[in-house]
C-alpha cells in the first residue's frame, strides 16, 4: 500500500491526513472545554456583597463611638448602626477628628453624613468619601442612653477580615488571597472584624478590641486572614457585636497557642 505524501503548498490534503486532523482537533477542543468547566466549578464562589460606587448617599443618625465609630439610625422601628470608614485604606478617626474640630461635634450628636455605601447580609457601611466635607449638617439633638448588653464569655473560631473590603469594596476579601490587602487596611485604621463561618457561609461578626475598648489592630496583624480561635467577654451594640481579646490568648485553629510567636505576614504594596 502506498503511503500518502503531503507538502504544505499542494492544493489538496490527502484524505488520511484530513481525517486524522479532524479527530485530533475535535478531541483537543472537547478536552479544553472539559478542563475549563472543571476549573470554573472549582473556583471559590463570590459573596453577594455590594459596593455602590459612584453614588453618594445621605444618612441621618446619632454619632456613636463604640464598638467603633458609626451612625446610629432607625429604620422601620429597628435601631441599626452604620459603621464609618475613611476614604481609601484609612479608618474614620482622622476625618471625624477634623469634623469635631470645625463643627463642635461629640458622641451622641445628631448628624447627617454623605458618602458611598457598601453592604452585605443587610449590614450597611459608609465611606466618608469627601473626608471632612462628608458632614452635611449637625443638629443640637443628642442621643438618649444607649442599650449595651453584655452577653457573657465566649470562645469563637473565625477569620479576621478588614470590613471595608469584606462588606463590598472587594470580592473575594477573605483567606490568603486577600490577606496582604487586609493587613494594609487594618494597619491604616480599619477596625479588625472576626468573621464566623459555618457550613461554608458567613453567619456572624465580632469587632475585636482590648479591655478598655482600645484598638488592638497592630497587635493582631499576624493573625489576619487565617483560621484562629479567640476568647473573651462579648457585648452587643444594636445590631453589632464585639469581643474583648487578649492577643496573647489568640490561637491558630487546630493548633496550640501562638500569641507570642513570630508568625510572618506580608504587607501589600
C-alpha atoms as a PDB file:
ATOM      1  CA  UNK A   1       0.000   0.000   0.000  1.00  0.00           C
ATOM      2  CA  UNK A   2       1.322   3.387  -0.988  1.00  0.00           C
ATOM      3  CA  UNK A   3       1.693   5.935   1.835  1.00  0.00           C
ATOM      4  CA  UNK A   4       0.072   9.325   1.360  1.00  0.00           C
ATOM      5  CA  UNK A   5       2.527  12.157   0.931  1.00  0.00           C
ATOM      6  CA  UNK A   6       1.662  15.788   1.599  1.00  0.00           C
ATOM      7  CA  UNK A   7       3.536  19.074   1.402  1.00  0.00           C
ATOM      8  CA  UNK A   8       2.096  22.322   2.702  1.00  0.00           C
ATOM      9  CA  UNK A   9       1.908  24.147  -0.638  1.00  0.00           C
ATOM     10  CA  UNK A  10      -0.013  21.482  -2.518  1.00  0.00           C
ATOM     11  CA  UNK A  11      -3.645  22.128  -3.491  1.00  0.00           C
ATOM     12  CA  UNK A  12      -5.279  19.155  -1.778  1.00  0.00           C
ATOM     13  CA  UNK A  13      -4.799  17.424   1.565  1.00  0.00           C
ATOM     14  CA  UNK A  14      -4.846  13.614   1.381  1.00  0.00           C
ATOM     15  CA  UNK A  15      -7.990  12.130   2.976  1.00  0.00           C
ATOM     16  CA  UNK A  16      -5.979  10.242   5.597  1.00  0.00           C
ATOM     17  CA  UNK A  17      -4.344  13.492   6.767  1.00  0.00           C
ATOM     18  CA  UNK A  18      -7.645  15.412   6.825  1.00  0.00           C
ATOM     19  CA  UNK A  19      -9.399  12.663   8.782  1.00  0.00           C
ATOM     20  CA  UNK A  20      -6.640  12.468  11.416  1.00  0.00           C
ATOM     21  CA  UNK A  21      -6.575  16.260  11.800  1.00  0.00           C
ATOM     22  CA  UNK A  22     -10.337  16.414  12.355  1.00  0.00           C
ATOM     23  CA  UNK A  23     -10.152  13.740  15.056  1.00  0.00           C
ATOM     24  CA  UNK A  24      -7.225  15.483  16.769  1.00  0.00           C
ATOM     25  CA  UNK A  25      -8.833  18.939  16.796  1.00  0.00           C
ATOM     26  CA  UNK A  26     -12.212  17.547  17.921  1.00  0.00           C
ATOM     27  CA  UNK A  27     -10.622  15.685  20.855  1.00  0.00           C
ATOM     28  CA  UNK A  28      -8.469  18.712  21.752  1.00  0.00           C
ATOM     29  CA  UNK A  29     -11.487  21.047  21.687  1.00  0.00           C
ATOM     30  CA  UNK A  30     -13.574  18.734  23.902  1.00  0.00           C
ATOM     31  CA  UNK A  31     -10.645  18.370  26.312  1.00  0.00           C
ATOM     32  CA  UNK A  32     -10.229  22.149  26.591  1.00  0.00           C
ATOM     33  CA  UNK A  33     -13.959  22.621  27.203  1.00  0.00           C
ATOM     34  CA  UNK A  34     -13.916  19.916  29.887  1.00  0.00           C
ATOM     35  CA  UNK A  35     -10.858  21.407  31.619  1.00  0.00           C
ATOM     36  CA  UNK A  36     -12.458  24.849  31.510  1.00  0.00           C
ATOM     37  CA  UNK A  37     -15.672  23.575  33.127  1.00  0.00           C
ATOM     38  CA  UNK A  38     -13.732  21.785  35.877  1.00  0.00           C
ATOM     39  CA  UNK A  39     -11.626  24.900  36.528  1.00  0.00           C
ATOM     40  CA  UNK A  40     -14.666  27.191  36.808  1.00  0.00           C
ATOM     41  CA  UNK A  41     -16.615  24.784  39.028  1.00  0.00           C
ATOM     42  CA  UNK A  42     -13.704  24.517  41.438  1.00  0.00           C
ATOM     43  CA  UNK A  43     -13.250  28.263  41.838  1.00  0.00           C
ATOM     44  CA  UNK A  44     -14.122  29.939  45.145  1.00  0.00           C
ATOM     45  CA  UNK A  45     -17.583  31.468  44.927  1.00  0.00           C
ATOM     46  CA  UNK A  46     -18.177  35.185  45.402  1.00  0.00           C
ATOM     47  CA  UNK A  47     -20.369  36.505  48.176  1.00  0.00           C
ATOM     48  CA  UNK A  48     -23.243  38.801  47.193  1.00  0.00           C
ATOM     49  CA  UNK A  49     -21.799  41.959  48.749  1.00  0.00           C
ATOM     50  CA  UNK A  50     -22.477  45.296  47.047  1.00  0.00           C
ATOM     51  CA  UNK A  51     -20.361  48.454  46.702  1.00  0.00           C
ATOM     52  CA  UNK A  52     -22.479  51.342  45.459  1.00  0.00           C
ATOM     53  CA  UNK A  53     -19.501  53.003  43.822  1.00  0.00           C
ATOM     54  CA  UNK A  54     -20.010  56.498  42.473  1.00  0.00           C
ATOM     55  CA  UNK A  55     -23.320  57.008  44.284  1.00  0.00           C
ATOM     56  CA  UNK A  56     -23.134  59.410  47.230  1.00  0.00           C
ATOM     57  CA  UNK A  57     -25.939  58.822  49.721  1.00  0.00           C
ATOM     58  CA  UNK A  58     -27.035  60.693  52.836  1.00  0.00           C
ATOM     59  CA  UNK A  59     -27.992  59.160  56.185  1.00  0.00           C
ATOM     60  CA  UNK A  60     -29.064  60.903  59.381  1.00  0.00           C
ATOM     61  CA  UNK A  61     -28.475  59.475  62.831  1.00  0.00           C
ATOM     62  CA  UNK A  62     -26.609  59.773  66.108  1.00  0.00           C
ATOM     63  CA  UNK A  63     -22.822  59.685  66.048  1.00  0.00           C
ATOM     64  CA  UNK A  64     -21.624  56.783  68.204  1.00  0.00           C
ATOM     65  CA  UNK A  65     -18.120  55.644  69.096  1.00  0.00           C
ATOM     66  CA  UNK A  66     -18.427  52.096  70.448  1.00  0.00           C
ATOM     67  CA  UNK A  67     -17.540  49.473  69.465  1.00  0.00           C
ATOM     68  CA  UNK A  68     -16.321  51.594  66.512  1.00  0.00           C
ATOM     69  CA  UNK A  69     -17.362  54.955  65.059  1.00  0.00           C
ATOM     70  CA  UNK A  70     -20.752  54.718  63.418  1.00  0.00           C
ATOM     71  CA  UNK A  71     -24.071  56.355  62.630  1.00  0.00           C
ATOM     72  CA  UNK A  72     -26.952  55.059  64.757  1.00  0.00           C
ATOM     73  CA  UNK A  73     -30.124  55.143  62.665  1.00  0.00           C
ATOM     74  CA  UNK A  74     -33.706  53.959  62.947  1.00  0.00           C
ATOM     75  CA  UNK A  75     -35.365  52.190  60.027  1.00  0.00           C
ATOM     76  CA  UNK A  76     -38.956  50.960  60.302  1.00  0.00           C
ATOM     77  CA  UNK A  77     -38.714  50.930  64.077  1.00  0.00           C
ATOM     78  CA  UNK A  78     -35.451  48.973  64.099  1.00  0.00           C
ATOM     79  CA  UNK A  79     -32.293  50.548  65.509  1.00  0.00           C
ATOM     80  CA  UNK A  80     -29.165  49.885  63.448  1.00  0.00           C
ATOM     81  CA  UNK A  81     -25.619  51.193  63.403  1.00  0.00           C
ATOM     82  CA  UNK A  82     -23.910  52.025  60.118  1.00  0.00           C
ATOM     83  CA  UNK A  83     -20.159  51.770  60.821  1.00  0.00           C
ATOM     84  CA  UNK A  84     -17.996  54.501  59.294  1.00  0.00           C
ATOM     85  CA  UNK A  85     -14.683  54.179  57.450  1.00  0.00           C
ATOM     86  CA  UNK A  86     -12.396  56.696  55.834  1.00  0.00           C
ATOM     87  CA  UNK A  87     -11.500  57.233  52.207  1.00  0.00           C
ATOM     88  CA  UNK A  88      -9.094  54.683  50.712  1.00  0.00           C
ATOM     89  CA  UNK A  89      -7.390  52.339  53.154  1.00  0.00           C
ATOM     90  CA  UNK A  90      -7.996  54.591  56.154  1.00  0.00           C
ATOM     91  CA  UNK A  91     -10.169  54.361  59.212  1.00  0.00           C
ATOM     92  CA  UNK A  92     -12.584  57.202  60.108  1.00  0.00           C
ATOM     93  CA  UNK A  93     -10.620  58.713  63.011  1.00  0.00           C
ATOM     94  CA  UNK A  94      -8.759  61.447  61.110  1.00  0.00           C
ATOM     95  CA  UNK A  95     -11.852  62.586  59.205  1.00  0.00           C
ATOM     96  CA  UNK A  96     -14.072  62.618  62.304  1.00  0.00           C
ATOM     97  CA  UNK A  97     -11.480  64.493  64.342  1.00  0.00           C
ATOM     98  CA  UNK A  98     -11.454  67.227  61.670  1.00  0.00           C
ATOM     99  CA  UNK A  99     -15.253  67.381  61.754  1.00  0.00           C
ATOM    100  CA  UNK A 100     -15.247  67.665  65.532  1.00  0.00           C
ATOM    101  CA  UNK A 101     -12.701  70.475  65.458  1.00  0.00           C
ATOM    102  CA  UNK A 102     -14.640  72.572  62.970  1.00  0.00           C
ATOM    103  CA  UNK A 103     -18.249  71.796  63.998  1.00  0.00           C
ATOM    104  CA  UNK A 104     -18.035  71.072  67.728  1.00  0.00           C
ATOM    105  CA  UNK A 105     -19.339  67.535  67.327  1.00  0.00           C
ATOM    106  CA  UNK A 106     -19.259  64.897  70.025  1.00  0.00           C
ATOM    107  CA  UNK A 107     -20.502  61.389  70.584  1.00  0.00           C
ATOM    108  CA  UNK A 108     -24.306  61.323  70.580  1.00  0.00           C
ATOM    109  CA  UNK A 109     -24.785  64.344  68.279  1.00  0.00           C
ATOM    110  CA  UNK A 110     -27.446  64.059  65.569  1.00  0.00           C
ATOM    111  CA  UNK A 111     -25.729  64.446  62.189  1.00  0.00           C
ATOM    112  CA  UNK A 112     -26.346  63.893  58.507  1.00  0.00           C
ATOM    113  CA  UNK A 113     -23.418  62.313  56.673  1.00  0.00           C
ATOM    114  CA  UNK A 114     -22.836  61.765  52.972  1.00  0.00           C
ATOM    115  CA  UNK A 115     -20.721  59.053  51.414  1.00  0.00           C
ATOM    116  CA  UNK A 116     -20.561  55.871  49.366  1.00  0.00           C
ATOM    117  CA  UNK A 117     -22.293  52.850  50.867  1.00  0.00           C
ATOM    118  CA  UNK A 118     -21.427  49.169  50.746  1.00  0.00           C
ATOM    119  CA  UNK A 119     -23.333  46.273  52.307  1.00  0.00           C
ATOM    120  CA  UNK A 120     -23.694  42.534  52.766  1.00  0.00           C
ATOM    121  CA  UNK A 121     -26.299  40.441  54.597  1.00  0.00           C
ATOM    122  CA  UNK A 122     -28.272  43.568  55.467  1.00  0.00           C
ATOM    123  CA  UNK A 123     -25.340  45.244  57.234  1.00  0.00           C
ATOM    124  CA  UNK A 124     -24.544  48.672  55.804  1.00  0.00           C
ATOM    125  CA  UNK A 125     -21.299  50.641  55.995  1.00  0.00           C
ATOM    126  CA  UNK A 126     -20.495  54.168  54.875  1.00  0.00           C
ATOM    127  CA  UNK A 127     -17.245  55.518  53.468  1.00  0.00           C
ATOM    128  CA  UNK A 128     -16.638  59.190  54.273  1.00  0.00           C
ATOM    129  CA  UNK A 129     -15.666  59.724  50.658  1.00  0.00           C
ATOM    130  CA  UNK A 130     -15.457  63.505  50.815  1.00  0.00           C
ATOM    131  CA  UNK A 131     -13.453  63.390  54.060  1.00  0.00           C
ATOM    132  CA  UNK A 132     -14.383  66.268  56.420  1.00  0.00           C
ATOM    133  CA  UNK A 133     -16.787  67.567  53.766  1.00  0.00           C
ATOM    134  CA  UNK A 134     -18.850  64.409  54.257  1.00  0.00           C
ATOM    135  CA  UNK A 135     -20.704  66.215  57.052  1.00  0.00           C
ATOM    136  CA  UNK A 136     -23.923  67.619  55.586  1.00  0.00           C
ATOM    137  CA  UNK A 137     -25.436  69.006  58.780  1.00  0.00           C
ATOM    138  CA  UNK A 138     -25.333  68.719  62.563  1.00  0.00           C
ATOM    139  CA  UNK A 139     -28.206  69.347  64.961  1.00  0.00           C
ATOM    140  CA  UNK A 140     -28.495  70.112  68.646  1.00  0.00           C
ATOM    141  CA  UNK A 141     -30.383  66.923  69.471  1.00  0.00           C
ATOM    142  CA  UNK A 142     -28.383  64.339  71.403  1.00  0.00           C
ATOM    143  CA  UNK A 143     -28.879  60.606  71.819  1.00  0.00           C
ATOM    144  CA  UNK A 144     -30.601  59.106  74.833  1.00  0.00           C
ATOM    145  CA  UNK A 145     -28.870  56.373  76.821  1.00  0.00           C
ATOM    146  CA  UNK A 146     -27.765  53.549  74.545  1.00  0.00           C
ATOM    147  CA  UNK A 147     -28.633  49.969  75.450  1.00  0.00           C
ATOM    148  CA  UNK A 148     -25.410  47.933  75.517  1.00  0.00           C
ATOM    149  CA  UNK A 149     -25.911  44.312  76.541  1.00  0.00           C
ATOM    150  CA  UNK A 150     -23.176  42.112  77.952  1.00  0.00           C
ATOM    151  CA  UNK A 151     -23.818  38.559  76.799  1.00  0.00           C
ATOM    152  CA  UNK A 152     -21.105  36.643  78.618  1.00  0.00           C
ATOM    153  CA  UNK A 153     -17.850  34.848  77.914  1.00  0.00           C
ATOM    154  CA  UNK A 154     -17.414  33.067  74.587  1.00  0.00           C
ATOM    155  CA  UNK A 155     -14.837  31.074  72.660  1.00  0.00           C
ATOM    156  CA  UNK A 156     -15.034  31.738  68.935  1.00  0.00           C
ATOM    157  CA  UNK A 157     -13.384  30.370  65.813  1.00  0.00           C
ATOM    158  CA  UNK A 158     -13.170  32.501  62.705  1.00  0.00           C
ATOM    159  CA  UNK A 159     -11.048  34.712  60.490  1.00  0.00           C
ATOM    160  CA  UNK A 160     -10.008  38.329  60.972  1.00  0.00           C
ATOM    161  CA  UNK A 161     -11.006  40.416  57.949  1.00  0.00           C
ATOM    162  CA  UNK A 162     -10.893  44.085  57.092  1.00  0.00           C
ATOM    163  CA  UNK A 163     -14.579  45.038  56.916  1.00  0.00           C
ATOM    164  CA  UNK A 164     -14.351  47.678  54.206  1.00  0.00           C
ATOM    165  CA  UNK A 165     -13.176  45.217  51.587  1.00  0.00           C
ATOM    166  CA  UNK A 166     -15.178  42.323  53.015  1.00  0.00           C
ATOM    167  CA  UNK A 167     -18.564  44.066  53.038  1.00  0.00           C
ATOM    168  CA  UNK A 168     -18.390  45.149  49.421  1.00  0.00           C
ATOM    169  CA  UNK A 169     -15.381  47.090  48.200  1.00  0.00           C
ATOM    170  CA  UNK A 170     -13.538  43.944  47.050  1.00  0.00           C
ATOM    171  CA  UNK A 171     -14.686  40.416  46.298  1.00  0.00           C
ATOM    172  CA  UNK A 172     -13.426  37.949  47.394  1.00  0.00           C
ATOM    173  CA  UNK A 173     -11.999  39.603  50.512  1.00  0.00           C
ATOM    174  CA  UNK A 174     -11.053  36.763  52.815  1.00  0.00           C
ATOM    175  CA  UNK A 175      -8.474  33.988  53.292  1.00  0.00           C
ATOM    176  CA  UNK A 176      -4.952  34.011  51.864  1.00  0.00           C
ATOM    177  CA  UNK A 177      -5.935  35.623  48.565  1.00  0.00           C
ATOM    178  CA  UNK A 178      -6.811  38.853  50.373  1.00  0.00           C
ATOM    179  CA  UNK A 179      -4.522  38.628  53.384  1.00  0.00           C
ATOM    180  CA  UNK A 180      -1.893  41.182  52.417  1.00  0.00           C
ATOM    181  CA  UNK A 181      -4.500  43.793  51.467  1.00  0.00           C
ATOM    182  CA  UNK A 182      -6.476  43.190  54.669  1.00  0.00           C
ATOM    183  CA  UNK A 183      -3.292  43.725  56.701  1.00  0.00           C
ATOM    184  CA  UNK A 184      -2.689  47.010  54.900  1.00  0.00           C
ATOM    185  CA  UNK A 185      -6.264  48.198  55.509  1.00  0.00           C
ATOM    186  CA  UNK A 186      -6.238  47.286  59.194  1.00  0.00           C
ATOM    187  CA  UNK A 187      -2.840  48.969  59.548  1.00  0.00           C
ATOM    188  CA  UNK A 188      -4.443  52.124  58.119  1.00  0.00           C
ATOM    189  CA  UNK A 189      -7.185  52.188  60.743  1.00  0.00           C
ATOM    190  CA  UNK A 190      -9.907  49.824  59.533  1.00  0.00           C
ATOM    191  CA  UNK A 191     -11.413  48.074  62.574  1.00  0.00           C
ATOM    192  CA  UNK A 192     -10.470  44.369  62.691  1.00  0.00           C
ATOM    193  CA  UNK A 193     -13.516  42.141  62.472  1.00  0.00           C
ATOM    194  CA  UNK A 194     -13.797  38.438  63.288  1.00  0.00           C
ATOM    195  CA  UNK A 195     -15.952  36.717  60.663  1.00  0.00           C
ATOM    196  CA  UNK A 196     -17.554  33.424  61.733  1.00  0.00           C
ATOM    197  CA  UNK A 197     -18.175  30.803  59.077  1.00  0.00           C
ATOM    198  CA  UNK A 198     -20.455  27.773  59.353  1.00  0.00           C
ATOM    199  CA  UNK A 199     -21.152  25.290  56.589  1.00  0.00           C
ATOM    200  CA  UNK A 200     -19.137  27.360  54.137  1.00  0.00           C
ATOM    201  CA  UNK A 201     -21.181  30.528  54.794  1.00  0.00           C
ATOM    202  CA  UNK A 202     -20.520  33.585  56.951  1.00  0.00           C
ATOM    203  CA  UNK A 203     -23.036  33.753  59.788  1.00  0.00           C
ATOM    204  CA  UNK A 204     -21.792  36.217  62.420  1.00  0.00           C
ATOM    205  CA  UNK A 205     -19.302  39.044  63.069  1.00  0.00           C
ATOM    206  CA  UNK A 206     -17.456  40.432  66.114  1.00  0.00           C
ATOM    207  CA  UNK A 207     -15.343  43.577  66.404  1.00  0.00           C
ATOM    208  CA  UNK A 208     -12.088  42.934  68.263  1.00  0.00           C
ATOM    209  CA  UNK A 209     -10.765  45.314  70.914  1.00  0.00           C
ATOM    210  CA  UNK A 210      -8.944  45.436  74.234  1.00  0.00           C
ATOM    211  CA  UNK A 211     -10.446  45.559  77.719  1.00  0.00           C
ATOM    212  CA  UNK A 212     -10.620  49.385  77.706  1.00  0.00           C
ATOM    213  CA  UNK A 213     -12.135  49.472  74.198  1.00  0.00           C
ATOM    214  CA  UNK A 214      -8.700  50.344  72.842  1.00  0.00           C
ATOM    215  CA  UNK A 215      -7.617  49.289  69.386  1.00  0.00           C
ATOM    216  CA  UNK A 216      -5.540  46.114  69.091  1.00  0.00           C
ATOM    217  CA  UNK A 217      -5.228  46.424  65.321  1.00  0.00           C
ATOM    218  CA  UNK A 218      -1.431  46.430  65.193  1.00  0.00           C
ATOM    219  CA  UNK A 219      -1.114  43.501  67.601  1.00  0.00           C
ATOM    220  CA  UNK A 220      -3.438  41.205  65.652  1.00  0.00           C
ATOM    221  CA  UNK A 221      -1.865  41.773  62.207  1.00  0.00           C
ATOM    222  CA  UNK A 222      -0.019  38.412  62.238  1.00  0.00           C
ATOM    223  CA  UNK A 223      -3.383  36.630  62.584  1.00  0.00           C
ATOM    224  CA  UNK A 224      -5.259  38.331  59.739  1.00  0.00           C
ATOM    225  CA  UNK A 225      -6.715  36.077  57.056  1.00  0.00           C
ATOM    226  CA  UNK A 226      -6.048  32.735  58.759  1.00  0.00           C
ATOM    227  CA  UNK A 227      -8.316  30.475  60.871  1.00  0.00           C
ATOM    228  CA  UNK A 228      -7.961  31.385  64.547  1.00  0.00           C
ATOM    229  CA  UNK A 229      -9.578  30.908  67.946  1.00  0.00           C
ATOM    230  CA  UNK A 230     -10.286  33.743  70.381  1.00  0.00           C
ATOM    231  CA  UNK A 231     -11.961  34.034  73.754  1.00  0.00           C
ATOM    232  CA  UNK A 232     -13.354  36.890  75.813  1.00  0.00           C
ATOM    233  CA  UNK A 233     -16.340  38.888  77.019  1.00  0.00           C
ATOM    234  CA  UNK A 234     -18.955  39.656  74.375  1.00  0.00           C
ATOM    235  CA  UNK A 235     -21.130  42.767  74.170  1.00  0.00           C
ATOM    236  CA  UNK A 236     -23.961  43.678  71.793  1.00  0.00           C
ATOM    237  CA  UNK A 237     -24.327  47.212  70.394  1.00  0.00           C
ATOM    238  CA  UNK A 238     -27.561  47.494  68.430  1.00  0.00           C
ATOM    239  CA  UNK A 239     -27.077  45.058  65.536  1.00  0.00           C
ATOM    240  CA  UNK A 240     -23.318  44.543  66.059  1.00  0.00           C
ATOM    241  CA  UNK A 241     -21.224  42.525  68.499  1.00  0.00           C
ATOM    242  CA  UNK A 242     -17.772  42.944  69.968  1.00  0.00           C
ATOM    243  CA  UNK A 243     -15.400  40.757  71.957  1.00  0.00           C
ATOM    244  CA  UNK A 244     -12.633  41.745  74.362  1.00  0.00           C
ATOM    245  CA  UNK A 245      -9.457  39.946  73.264  1.00  0.00           C
ATOM    246  CA  UNK A 246      -6.105  39.323  74.923  1.00  0.00           C
ATOM    247  CA  UNK A 247      -3.755  38.977  71.959  1.00  0.00           C
ATOM    248  CA  UNK A 248      -1.568  36.557  73.903  1.00  0.00           C
ATOM    249  CA  UNK A 249      -4.510  34.140  74.067  1.00  0.00           C
ATOM    250  CA  UNK A 250      -5.169  34.026  70.321  1.00  0.00           C
ATOM    251  CA  UNK A 251      -4.529  30.572  68.896  1.00  0.00           C
ATOM    252  CA  UNK A 252      -4.428  29.189  65.396  1.00  0.00           C
ATOM    253  CA  UNK A 253      -7.347  26.891  64.687  1.00  0.00           C
ATOM    254  CA  UNK A 254      -6.309  23.251  65.183  1.00  0.00           C
ATOM    255  CA  UNK A 255      -3.051  24.386  66.759  1.00  0.00           C
ATOM    256  CA  UNK A 256      -1.594  25.405  70.088  1.00  0.00           C
ATOM    257  CA  UNK A 257      -1.402  28.970  71.411  1.00  0.00           C
ATOM    258  CA  UNK A 258       0.704  31.162  69.164  1.00  0.00           C
ATOM    259  CA  UNK A 259       0.183  34.587  70.720  1.00  0.00           C
ATOM    260  CA  UNK A 260       3.906  35.142  71.261  1.00  0.00           C
ATOM    261  CA  UNK A 261       5.137  33.515  68.064  1.00  0.00           C
ATOM    262  CA  UNK A 262       6.881  35.318  65.217  1.00  0.00           C
ATOM    263  CA  UNK A 263       4.256  34.368  62.669  1.00  0.00           C
ATOM    264  CA  UNK A 264       5.246  36.046  59.413  1.00  0.00           C
ATOM    265  CA  UNK A 265       2.914  38.252  57.456  1.00  0.00           C
ATOM    266  CA  UNK A 266       3.192  40.355  54.335  1.00  0.00           C
ATOM    267  CA  UNK A 267       2.162  43.924  53.594  1.00  0.00           C
ATOM    268  CA  UNK A 268       0.706  44.647  50.174  1.00  0.00           C
ATOM    269  CA  UNK A 269       2.450  47.413  48.274  1.00  0.00           C
END
